[in-house]
Amino acid sequence: MTSDPAIPAENGTGSETVTSAGAMAGRRAEPDRLRDLAATSAVLERAKGALMALTGCSADAAHEELLRRANAGNRTLIEECWITLGSGSPAKAVPAPD
């Protein structure tokens, strides 16, 4: 007699499946995350360019100003960028279809 409990052998449907499903979900989410990052970066660069054109400041100074305004208004940086670009939100930036 042994003191080891009788546990049936794994057939590959246990934790391996969960791990593999999690890895697949992570791989599927990566393109979405990169697309969101690219869109955010583009909006930030446009807002910085607008501030630079209006005030004659450097790119670094424009970025700092956007951060300052966002903090002062209790907003995120991307919200401040949309406000600076004059649309107020991403939904308003895209014209509605006719």
PDB file of N, CA and C in Angstrom:
ATOM      1  N   MET A   1       0.833  -1.177   0.000  1.00  0.00           N
ATOM      2  CA  MET A   1       0.000   0.000   0.000  1.00  0.00           C
ATOM      3  C   MET A   1       0.878   1.240   0.000  1.00  0.00           C
ATOM      4  N   THR A   2       0.396   2.244  -0.676  1.00  0.00           N
ATOM      5  CA  THR A   2       1.111   3.513  -0.701  1.00  0.00           C
ATOM      6  C   THR A   2       0.216   4.587  -0.139  1.00  0.00           C
ATOM      7  N   SER A   3       0.826   5.701   0.227  1.00  0.00           N
ATOM      8  CA  SER A   3       0.039   6.804   0.763  1.00  0.00           C
ATOM      9  C   SER A   3      -0.343   7.813  -0.322  1.00  0.00           C
ATOM     10  N   ASP A   4       0.094   7.590  -1.564  1.00  0.00           N
ATOM     11  CA  ASP A   4      -0.243   8.501  -2.667  1.00  0.00           C
ATOM     12  C   ASP A   4      -1.698   8.322  -3.063  1.00  0.00           C
ATOM     13  N   PRO A   5      -2.434   9.442  -3.207  1.00  0.00           N
ATOM     14  CA  PRO A   5      -3.830   9.321  -3.627  1.00  0.00           C
ATOM     15  C   PRO A   5      -3.909   8.857  -5.069  1.00  0.00           C
ATOM     16  N   ALA A   6      -4.963   8.190  -5.394  1.00  0.00           N
ATOM     17  CA  ALA A   6      -5.163   7.730  -6.770  1.00  0.00           C
ATOM     18  C   ALA A   6      -5.735   8.878  -7.594  1.00  0.00           C
ATOM     19  N   ILE A   7      -4.888   9.495  -8.421  1.00  0.00           N
ATOM     20  CA  ILE A   7      -5.303  10.614  -9.269  1.00  0.00           C
ATOM     21  C   ILE A   7      -5.169  10.173 -10.709  1.00  0.00           C
ATOM     22  N   PRO A   8      -6.216  10.299 -11.491  1.00  0.00           N
ATOM     23  CA  PRO A   8      -6.116   9.886 -12.893  1.00  0.00           C
ATOM     24  C   PRO A   8      -5.117  10.764 -13.639  1.00  0.00           C
ATOM     25  N   ALA A   9      -4.453  10.197 -14.605  1.00  0.00           N
ATOM     26  CA  ALA A   9      -3.470  10.937 -15.410  1.00  0.00           C
ATOM     27  C   ALA A   9      -4.165  11.998 -16.242  1.00  0.00           C
ATOM     28  N   GLU A  10      -3.480  13.113 -16.432  1.00  0.00           N
ATOM     29  CA  GLU A  10      -4.018  14.203 -17.258  1.00  0.00           C
ATOM     30  C   GLU A  10      -4.039  13.769 -18.719  1.00  0.00           C
ATOM     31  N   ASN A  11      -5.046  14.180 -19.441  1.00  0.00           N
ATOM     32  CA  ASN A  11      -5.117  13.841 -20.860  1.00  0.00           C
ATOM     33  C   ASN A  11      -4.916  15.066 -21.746  1.00  0.00           C
ATOM     34  N   GLY A  12      -4.357  16.145 -21.195  1.00  0.00           N
ATOM     35  CA  GLY A  12      -4.082  17.325 -22.002  1.00  0.00           C
ATOM     36  C   GLY A  12      -5.232  18.304 -22.080  1.00  0.00           C
ATOM     37  N   THR A  13      -6.286  18.088 -21.320  1.00  0.00           N
ATOM     38  CA  THR A  13      -7.431  18.995 -21.393  1.00  0.00           C
ATOM     39  C   THR A  13      -7.531  19.894 -20.179  1.00  0.00           C
ATOM     40  N   GLY A  14      -6.556  19.833 -19.292  1.00  0.00           N
ATOM     41  CA  GLY A  14      -6.617  20.617 -18.059  1.00  0.00           C
ATOM     42  C   GLY A  14      -5.977  21.979 -18.218  1.00  0.00           C
ATOM     43  N   SER A  15      -4.964  22.223 -17.403  1.00  0.00           N
ATOM     44  CA  SER A  15      -4.332  23.540 -17.363  1.00  0.00           C
ATOM     45  C   SER A  15      -3.651  23.892 -18.679  1.00  0.00           C
ATOM     46  N   GLU A  16      -3.212  22.912 -19.446  1.00  0.00           N
ATOM     47  CA  GLU A  16      -2.592  23.202 -20.743  1.00  0.00           C
ATOM     48  C   GLU A  16      -3.569  23.920 -21.659  1.00  0.00           C
ATOM     49  N   THR A  17      -4.822  23.487 -21.639  1.00  0.00           N
ATOM     50  CA  THR A  17      -5.841  24.114 -22.475  1.00  0.00           C
ATOM     51  C   THR A  17      -6.093  25.544 -22.033  1.00  0.00           C
ATOM     52  N   VAL A  18      -6.157  25.774 -20.739  1.00  0.00           N
ATOM     53  CA  VAL A  18      -6.375  27.116 -20.213  1.00  0.00           C
ATOM     54  C   VAL A  18      -5.219  28.018 -20.609  1.00  0.00           C
ATOM     55  N   THR A  19      -3.982  27.522 -20.447  1.00  0.00           N
ATOM     56  CA  THR A  19      -2.811  28.305 -20.805  1.00  0.00           C
ATOM     57  C   THR A  19      -2.813  28.617 -22.290  1.00  0.00           C
ATOM     58  N   SER A  20      -3.104  27.651 -23.096  1.00  0.00           N
ATOM     59  CA  SER A  20      -3.105  27.863 -24.538  1.00  0.00           C
ATOM     60  C   SER A  20      -4.231  28.812 -24.956  1.00  0.00           C
ATOM     61  N   ALA A  21      -5.378  28.746 -24.301  1.00  0.00           N
ATOM     62  CA  ALA A  21      -6.472  29.675 -24.613  1.00  0.00           C
ATOM     63  C   ALA A  21      -6.085  31.094 -24.216  1.00  0.00           C
ATOM     64  N   GLY A  22      -5.421  31.238 -23.079  1.00  0.00           N
ATOM     65  CA  GLY A  22      -4.970  32.559 -22.640  1.00  0.00           C
ATOM     66  C   GLY A  22      -3.938  33.138 -23.582  1.00  0.00           C
ATOM     67  N   ALA A  23      -3.043  32.297 -24.071  1.00  0.00           N
ATOM     68  CA  ALA A  23      -2.032  32.762 -25.020  1.00  0.00           C
ATOM     69  C   ALA A  23      -2.686  33.207 -26.320  1.00  0.00           C
ATOM     70  N   MET A  24      -3.678  32.482 -26.768  1.00  0.00           N
ATOM     71  CA  MET A  24      -4.380  32.855 -28.003  1.00  0.00           C
ATOM     72  C   MET A  24      -5.109  34.184 -27.831  1.00  0.00           C
ATOM     73  N   ALA A  25      -5.743  34.372 -26.694  1.00  0.00           N
ATOM     74  CA  ALA A  25      -6.448  35.630 -26.439  1.00  0.00           C
ATOM     75  C   ALA A  25      -5.458  36.784 -26.418  1.00  0.00           C
ATOM     76  N   GLY A  26      -4.294  36.558 -25.821  1.00  0.00           N
ATOM     77  CA  GLY A  26      -3.262  37.586 -25.782  1.00  0.00           C
ATOM     78  C   GLY A  26      -2.779  37.945 -27.177  1.00  0.00           C
ATOM     79  N   ARG A  27      -2.610  36.947 -28.025  1.00  0.00           N
ATOM     80  CA  ARG A  27      -2.172  37.200 -29.399  1.00  0.00           C
ATOM     81  C   ARG A  27      -3.241  37.935 -30.204  1.00  0.00           C
ATOM     82  N   ARG A  28      -4.484  37.650 -29.920  1.00  0.00           N
ATOM     83  CA  ARG A  28      -5.574  38.341 -30.624  1.00  0.00           C
ATOM     84  C   ARG A  28      -5.700  39.788 -30.168  1.00  0.00           C
ATOM     85  N   ALA A  29      -5.406  40.044 -28.897  1.00  0.00           N
ATOM     86  CA  ALA A  29      -5.540  41.395 -28.348  1.00  0.00           C
ATOM     87  C   ALA A  29      -4.393  42.299 -28.779  1.00  0.00           C
ATOM     88  N   GLU A  30      -3.240  41.742 -29.101  1.00  0.00           N
ATOM     89  CA  GLU A  30      -2.063  42.538 -29.439  1.00  0.00           C
ATOM     90  C   GLU A  30      -2.289  43.470 -30.629  1.00  0.00           C
ATOM     91  N   PRO A  31      -2.853  43.019 -31.751  1.00  0.00           N
ATOM     92  CA  PRO A  31      -3.088  43.962 -32.865  1.00  0.00           C
ATOM     93  C   PRO A  31      -4.035  45.104 -32.478  1.00  0.00           C
ATOM     94  N   ASP A  32      -5.038  44.812 -31.666  1.00  0.00           N
ATOM     95  CA  ASP A  32      -5.956  45.857 -31.213  1.00  0.00           C
ATOM     96  C   ASP A  32      -5.220  46.873 -30.350  1.00  0.00           C
ATOM     97  N   ARG A  33      -4.369  46.384 -29.462  1.00  0.00           N
ATOM     98  CA  ARG A  33      -3.602  47.273 -28.596  1.00  0.00           C
ATOM     99  C   ARG A  33      -2.665  48.154 -29.426  1.00  0.00           C
ATOM    100  N   LEU A  34      -2.006  47.563 -30.412  1.00  0.00           N
ATOM    101  CA  LEU A  34      -1.096  48.334 -31.258  1.00  0.00           C
ATOM    102  C   LEU A  34      -1.851  49.356 -32.104  1.00  0.00           C
ATOM    103  N   ARG A  35      -3.024  48.988 -32.584  1.00  0.00           N
ATOM    104  CA  ARG A  35      -3.847  49.912 -33.376  1.00  0.00           C
ATOM    105  C   ARG A  35      -4.280  51.100 -32.515  1.00  0.00           C
ATOM    106  N   ASP A  36      -4.696  50.826 -31.282  1.00  0.00           N
ATOM    107  CA  ASP A  36      -5.090  51.898 -30.356  1.00  0.00           C
ATOM    108  C   ASP A  36      -3.909  52.805 -30.034  1.00  0.00           C
ATOM    109  N   LEU A  37      -2.744  52.210 -29.831  1.00  0.00           N
ATOM    110  CA  LEU A  37      -1.547  52.988 -29.533  1.00  0.00           C
ATOM    111  C   LEU A  37      -1.184  53.892 -30.705  1.00  0.00           C
ATOM    112  N   ALA A  38      -1.272  53.375 -31.918  1.00  0.00           N
ATOM    113  CA  ALA A  38      -0.958  54.178 -33.102  1.00  0.00           C
ATOM    114  C   ALA A  38      -1.953  55.323 -33.253  1.00  0.00           C
ATOM    115  N   ALA A  39      -3.217  55.066 -33.014  1.00  0.00           N
ATOM    116  CA  ALA A  39      -4.231  56.114 -33.119  1.00  0.00           C
ATOM    117  C   ALA A  39      -4.008  57.188 -32.070  1.00  0.00           C
ATOM    118  N   THR A  40      -3.692  56.773 -30.859  1.00  0.00           N
ATOM    119  CA  THR A  40      -3.429  57.733 -29.782  1.00  0.00           C
ATOM    120  C   THR A  40      -2.202  58.575 -30.108  1.00  0.00           C
ATOM    121  N   SER A  41      -1.155  57.938 -30.597  1.00  0.00           N
ATOM    122  CA  SER A  41       0.070  58.661 -30.952  1.00  0.00           C
ATOM    123  C   SER A  41      -0.189  59.676 -32.051  1.00  0.00           C
ATOM    124  N   ALA A  42      -0.997  59.305 -33.025  1.00  0.00           N
ATOM    125  CA  ALA A  42      -1.303  60.219 -34.123  1.00  0.00           C
ATOM    126  C   ALA A  42      -2.053  61.446 -33.621  1.00  0.00           C
ATOM    127  N   VAL A  43      -3.015  61.252 -32.732  1.00  0.00           N
ATOM    128  CA  VAL A  43      -3.784  62.368 -32.184  1.00  0.00           C
ATOM    129  C   VAL A  43      -2.883  63.267 -31.346  1.00  0.00           C
ATOM    130  N   LEU A  44      -2.011  62.660 -30.545  1.00  0.00           N
ATOM    131  CA  LEU A  44      -1.076  63.432 -29.725  1.00  0.00           C
ATOM    132  C   LEU A  44      -0.158  64.277 -30.616  1.00  0.00           C
ATOM    133  N   GLU A  45       0.367  63.692 -31.668  1.00  0.00           N
ATOM    134  CA  GLU A  45       1.263  64.431 -32.569  1.00  0.00           C
ATOM    135  C   GLU A  45       0.530  65.573 -33.275  1.00  0.00           C
ATOM    136  N   ARG A  46      -0.717  65.337 -33.665  1.00  0.00           N
ATOM    137  CA  ARG A  46      -1.508  66.401 -34.303  1.00  0.00           C
ATOM    138  C   ARG A  46      -1.753  67.550 -33.336  1.00  0.00           C
ATOM    139  N   ALA A  47      -2.097  67.211 -32.092  1.00  0.00           N
ATOM    140  CA  ALA A  47      -2.359  68.253 -31.090  1.00  0.00           C
ATOM    141  C   ALA A  47      -1.088  69.029 -30.780  1.00  0.00           C
ATOM    142  N   LYS A  48       0.037  68.333 -30.669  1.00  0.00           N
ATOM    143  CA  LYS A  48       1.299  69.023 -30.438  1.00  0.00           C
ATOM    144  C   LYS A  48       1.618  69.941 -31.614  1.00  0.00           C
ATOM    145  N   GLY A  49       1.388  69.471 -32.821  1.00  0.00           N
ATOM    146  CA  GLY A  49       1.636  70.297 -34.004  1.00  0.00           C
ATOM    147  C   GLY A  49       0.769  71.540 -34.019  1.00  0.00           C
ATOM    148  N   ALA A  50      -0.485  71.393 -33.615  1.00  0.00           N
ATOM    149  CA  ALA A  50      -1.389  72.545 -33.563  1.00  0.00           C
ATOM    150  C   ALA A  50      -0.895  73.571 -32.547  1.00  0.00           C
ATOM    151  N   LEU A  51      -0.490  73.108 -31.367  1.00  0.00           N
ATOM    152  CA  LEU A  51       0.033  74.032 -30.354  1.00  0.00           C
ATOM    153  C   LEU A  51       1.321  74.698 -30.829  1.00  0.00           C
ATOM    154  N   MET A  52       2.187  73.942 -31.471  1.00  0.00           N
ATOM    155  CA  MET A  52       3.441  74.491 -31.977  1.00  0.00           C
ATOM    156  C   MET A  52       3.171  75.574 -33.012  1.00  0.00           C
ATOM    157  N   ALA A  53       2.196  75.338 -33.879  1.00  0.00           N
ATOM    158  CA  ALA A  53       1.865  76.321 -34.907  1.00  0.00           C
ATOM    159  C   ALA A  53       1.256  77.578 -34.297  1.00  0.00           C
ATOM    160  N   LEU A  54       0.429  77.414 -33.297  1.00  0.00           N
ATOM    161  CA  LEU A  54      -0.235  78.564 -32.676  1.00  0.00           C
ATOM    162  C   LEU A  54       0.684  79.385 -31.785  1.00  0.00           C
ATOM    163  N   THR A  55       1.583  78.704 -31.078  1.00  0.00           N
ATOM    164  CA  THR A  55       2.390  79.406 -30.083  1.00  0.00           C
ATOM    165  C   THR A  55       3.857  79.542 -30.454  1.00  0.00           C
ATOM    166  N   GLY A  56       4.315  78.777 -31.429  1.00  0.00           N
ATOM    167  CA  GLY A  56       5.717  78.821 -31.809  1.00  0.00           C
ATOM    168  C   GLY A  56       6.626  78.073 -30.848  1.00  0.00           C
ATOM    169  N   CYS A  57       6.057  77.242 -29.997  1.00  0.00           N
ATOM    170  CA  CYS A  57       6.856  76.502 -29.022  1.00  0.00           C
ATOM    171  C   CYS A  57       7.444  75.240 -29.656  1.00  0.00           C
ATOM    172  N   SER A  58       8.326  74.578 -28.910  1.00  0.00           N
ATOM    173  CA  SER A  58       8.932  73.330 -29.375  1.00  0.00           C
ATOM    174  C   SER A  58       7.965  72.160 -29.159  1.00  0.00           C
ATOM    175  N   ALA A  59       8.307  71.016 -29.735  1.00  0.00           N
ATOM    176  CA  ALA A  59       7.488  69.816 -29.558  1.00  0.00           C
ATOM    177  C   ALA A  59       7.438  69.404 -28.088  1.00  0.00           C
ATOM    178  N   ASP A  60       8.574  69.482 -27.419  1.00  0.00           N
ATOM    179  CA  ASP A  60       8.607  69.129 -25.995  1.00  0.00           C
ATOM    180  C   ASP A  60       7.750  70.076 -25.163  1.00  0.00           C
ATOM    181  N   ALA A  61       7.823  71.364 -25.476  1.00  0.00           N
ATOM    182  CA  ALA A  61       7.021  72.347 -24.734  1.00  0.00           C
ATOM    183  C   ALA A  61       5.528  72.129 -25.001  1.00  0.00           C
ATOM    184  N   ALA A  62       5.183  71.789 -26.236  1.00  0.00           N
ATOM    185  CA  ALA A  62       3.778  71.527 -26.568  1.00  0.00           C
ATOM    186  C   ALA A  62       3.271  70.310 -25.801  1.00  0.00           C
ATOM    187  N   HIS A  63       4.093  69.281 -25.708  1.00  0.00           N
ATOM    188  CA  HIS A  63       3.702  68.077 -24.964  1.00  0.00           C
ATOM    189  C   HIS A  63       3.500  68.403 -23.490  1.00  0.00           C
ATOM    190  N   GLU A  64       4.420  69.159 -22.927  1.00  0.00           N
ATOM    191  CA  GLU A  64       4.292  69.561 -21.523  1.00  0.00           C
ATOM    192  C   GLU A  64       3.034  70.399 -21.298  1.00  0.00           C
ATOM    193  N   GLU A  65       2.726  71.280 -22.231  1.00  0.00           N
ATOM    194  CA  GLU A  65       1.519  72.113 -22.111  1.00  0.00           C
ATOM    195  C   GLU A  65       0.259  71.257 -22.164  1.00  0.00           C
ATOM    196  N   LEU A  66       0.232  70.277 -23.047  1.00  0.00           N
ATOM    197  CA  LEU A  66      -0.925  69.380 -23.117  1.00  0.00           C
ATOM    198  C   LEU A  66      -1.084  68.606 -21.810  1.00  0.00           C
ATOM    199  N   LEU A  67       0.025  68.132 -21.270  1.00  0.00           N
ATOM    200  CA  LEU A  67      -0.035  67.434 -19.981  1.00  0.00           C
ATOM    201  C   LEU A  67      -0.516  68.361 -18.870  1.00  0.00           C
ATOM    202  N   ARG A  68      -0.022  69.600 -18.865  1.00  0.00           N
ATOM    203  CA  ARG A  68      -0.418  70.573 -17.840  1.00  0.00           C
ATOM    204  C   ARG A  68      -1.915  70.844 -17.922  1.00  0.00           C
ATOM    205  N   ARG A  69      -2.404  71.067 -19.133  1.00  0.00           N
ATOM    206  CA  ARG A  69      -3.837  71.337 -19.324  1.00  0.00           C
ATOM    207  C   ARG A  69      -4.689  70.142 -18.920  1.00  0.00           C
ATOM    208  N   ALA A  70      -4.241  68.943 -19.280  1.00  0.00           N
ATOM    209  CA  ALA A  70      -4.993  67.734 -18.923  1.00  0.00           C
ATOM    210  C   ALA A  70      -5.091  67.599 -17.412  1.00  0.00           C
ATOM    211  N   ASN A  71      -3.971  67.782 -16.734  1.00  0.00           N
ATOM    212  CA  ASN A  71      -3.975  67.686 -15.266  1.00  0.00           C
ATOM    213  C   ASN A  71      -4.844  68.767 -14.645  1.00  0.00           C
ATOM    214  N   ALA A  72      -4.743  69.989 -15.158  1.00  0.00           N
ATOM    215  CA  ALA A  72      -5.528  71.100 -14.609  1.00  0.00           C
ATOM    216  C   ALA A  72      -7.024  70.867 -14.795  1.00  0.00           C
ATOM    217  N   GLY A  73      -7.391  70.242 -15.897  1.00  0.00           N
ATOM    218  CA  GLY A  73      -8.803  69.995 -16.174  1.00  0.00           C
ATOM    219  C   GLY A  73      -9.286  68.634 -15.726  1.00  0.00           C
ATOM    220  N   ASN A  74      -8.411  67.876 -15.022  1.00  0.00           N
ATOM    221  CA  ASN A  74      -8.762  66.536 -14.562  1.00  0.00           C
ATOM    222  C   ASN A  74      -9.204  65.655 -15.733  1.00  0.00           C
ATOM    223  N   ARG A  75      -8.439  65.720 -16.831  1.00  0.00           N
ATOM    224  CA  ARG A  75      -8.729  64.938 -18.033  1.00  0.00           C
ATOM    225  C   ARG A  75      -7.525  64.060 -18.367  1.00  0.00           C
ATOM    226  N   THR A  76      -7.756  63.109 -19.246  1.00  0.00           N
ATOM    227  CA  THR A  76      -6.642  62.315 -19.756  1.00  0.00           C
ATOM    228  C   THR A  76      -5.929  63.120 -20.838  1.00  0.00           C
ATOM    229  N   LEU A  77      -4.727  62.695 -21.170  1.00  0.00           N
ATOM    230  CA  LEU A  77      -3.969  63.381 -22.208  1.00  0.00           C
ATOM    231  C   LEU A  77      -4.696  63.307 -23.542  1.00  0.00           C
ATOM    232  N   ILE A  78      -5.258  62.174 -23.875  1.00  0.00           N
ATOM    233  CA  ILE A  78      -5.944  62.042 -25.166  1.00  0.00           C
ATOM    234  C   ILE A  78      -7.188  62.923 -25.210  1.00  0.00           C
ATOM    235  N   GLU A  79      -7.903  63.055 -24.089  1.00  0.00           N
ATOM    236  CA  GLU A  79      -9.056  63.963 -24.055  1.00  0.00           C
ATOM    237  C   GLU A  79      -8.609  65.399 -24.313  1.00  0.00           C
ATOM    238  N   GLU A  80      -7.505  65.783 -23.696  1.00  0.00           N
ATOM    239  CA  GLU A  80      -6.992  67.139 -23.898  1.00  0.00           C
ATOM    240  C   GLU A  80      -6.563  67.351 -25.343  1.00  0.00           C
ATOM    241  N   CYS A  81      -5.991  66.330 -25.943  1.00  0.00           N
ATOM    242  CA  CYS A  81      -5.601  66.431 -27.357  1.00  0.00           C
ATOM    243  C   CYS A  81      -6.816  66.681 -28.236  1.00  0.00           C
ATOM    244  N   TRP A  82      -7.885  65.932 -28.007  1.00  0.00           N
ATOM    245  CA  TRP A  82      -9.100  66.124 -28.810  1.00  0.00           C
ATOM    246  C   TRP A  82      -9.682  67.520 -28.594  1.00  0.00           C
ATOM    247  N   ILE A  83      -9.654  68.003 -27.374  1.00  0.00           N
ATOM    248  CA  ILE A  83     -10.150  69.355 -27.092  1.00  0.00           C
ATOM    249  C   ILE A  83      -9.289  70.382 -27.826  1.00  0.00           C
ATOM    250  N   THR A  84      -7.976  70.199 -27.778  1.00  0.00           N
ATOM    251  CA  THR A  84      -7.057  71.114 -28.454  1.00  0.00           C
ATOM    252  C   THR A  84      -7.297  71.120 -29.953  1.00  0.00           C
ATOM    253  N   LEU A  85      -7.623  69.976 -30.503  1.00  0.00           N
ATOM    254  CA  LEU A  85      -7.880  69.893 -31.939  1.00  0.00           C
ATOM    255  C   LEU A  85      -9.262  70.418 -32.307  1.00  0.00           C
ATOM    256  N   GLY A  86     -10.057  70.757 -31.301  1.00  0.00           N
ATOM    257  CA  GLY A  86     -11.331  71.411 -31.561  1.00  0.00           C
ATOM    258  C   GLY A  86     -12.532  70.521 -31.671  1.00  0.00           C
ATOM    259  N   SER A  87     -12.363  69.224 -31.472  1.00  0.00           N
ATOM    260  CA  SER A  87     -13.520  68.356 -31.610  1.00  0.00           C
ATOM    261  C   SER A  87     -14.111  67.955 -30.267  1.00  0.00           C
ATOM    262  N   GLY A  88     -13.331  68.008 -29.206  1.00  0.00           N
ATOM    263  CA  GLY A  88     -13.844  67.661 -27.889  1.00  0.00           C
ATOM    264  C   GLY A  88     -13.853  66.186 -27.596  1.00  0.00           C
ATOM    265  N   SER A  89     -14.035  65.340 -28.605  1.00  0.00           N
ATOM    266  CA  SER A  89     -13.994  63.898 -28.394  1.00  0.00           C
ATOM    267  C   SER A  89     -13.766  63.207 -29.727  1.00  0.00           C
ATOM    268  N   PRO A  90     -13.274  61.973 -29.710  1.00  0.00           N
ATOM    269  CA  PRO A  90     -13.044  61.257 -30.954  1.00  0.00           C
ATOM    270  C   PRO A  90     -14.326  61.025 -31.743  1.00  0.00           C
ATOM    271  N   ALA A  91     -15.458  60.859 -31.056  1.00  0.00           N
ATOM    272  CA  ALA A  91     -16.716  60.630 -31.755  1.00  0.00           C
ATOM    273  C   ALA A  91     -17.119  61.836 -32.601  1.00  0.00           C
ATOM    274  N   LYS A  92     -16.827  63.014 -32.113  1.00  0.00           N
ATOM    275  CA  LYS A  92     -17.183  64.232 -32.843  1.00  0.00           C
ATOM    276  C   LYS A  92     -16.201  64.515 -33.972  1.00  0.00           C
ATOM    277  N   ALA A  93     -15.022  63.905 -33.932  1.00  0.00           N
ATOM    278  CA  ALA A  93     -13.998  64.180 -34.944  1.00  0.00           C
ATOM    279  C   ALA A  93     -14.350  63.552 -36.281  1.00  0.00           C
ATOM    280  N   VAL A  94     -15.090  62.456 -36.244  1.00  0.00           N
ATOM    281  CA  VAL A  94     -15.445  61.758 -37.483  1.00  0.00           C
ATOM    282  C   VAL A  94     -16.846  62.195 -37.874  1.00  0.00           C
ATOM    283  N   PRO A  95     -17.010  62.785 -39.082  1.00  0.00           N
ATOM    284  CA  PRO A  95     -18.348  63.222 -39.478  1.00  0.00           C
ATOM    285  C   PRO A  95     -19.306  62.040 -39.613  1.00  0.00           C
ATOM    286  N   ALA A  96     -20.540  62.276 -39.276  1.00  0.00           N
ATOM    287  CA  ALA A  96     -21.557  61.233 -39.390  1.00  0.00           C
ATOM    288  C   ALA A  96     -21.863  60.976 -40.861  1.00  0.00           C
ATOM    289  N   PRO A  97     -22.083  59.709 -41.214  1.00  0.00           N
ATOM    290  CA  PRO A  97     -22.410  59.384 -42.613  1.00  0.00           C
ATOM    291  C   PRO A  97     -23.747  60.001 -43.023  1.00  0.00           C
ATOM    292  N   ASP A  98     -23.853  60.341 -44.272  1.00  0.00           N
ATOM    293  CA  ASP A  98     -25.108  60.937 -44.786  1.00  0.00           C
ATOM    294  C   ASP A  98     -26.187  59.924 -44.997  1.00  0.00           C
TER     295      ASP A  98
END
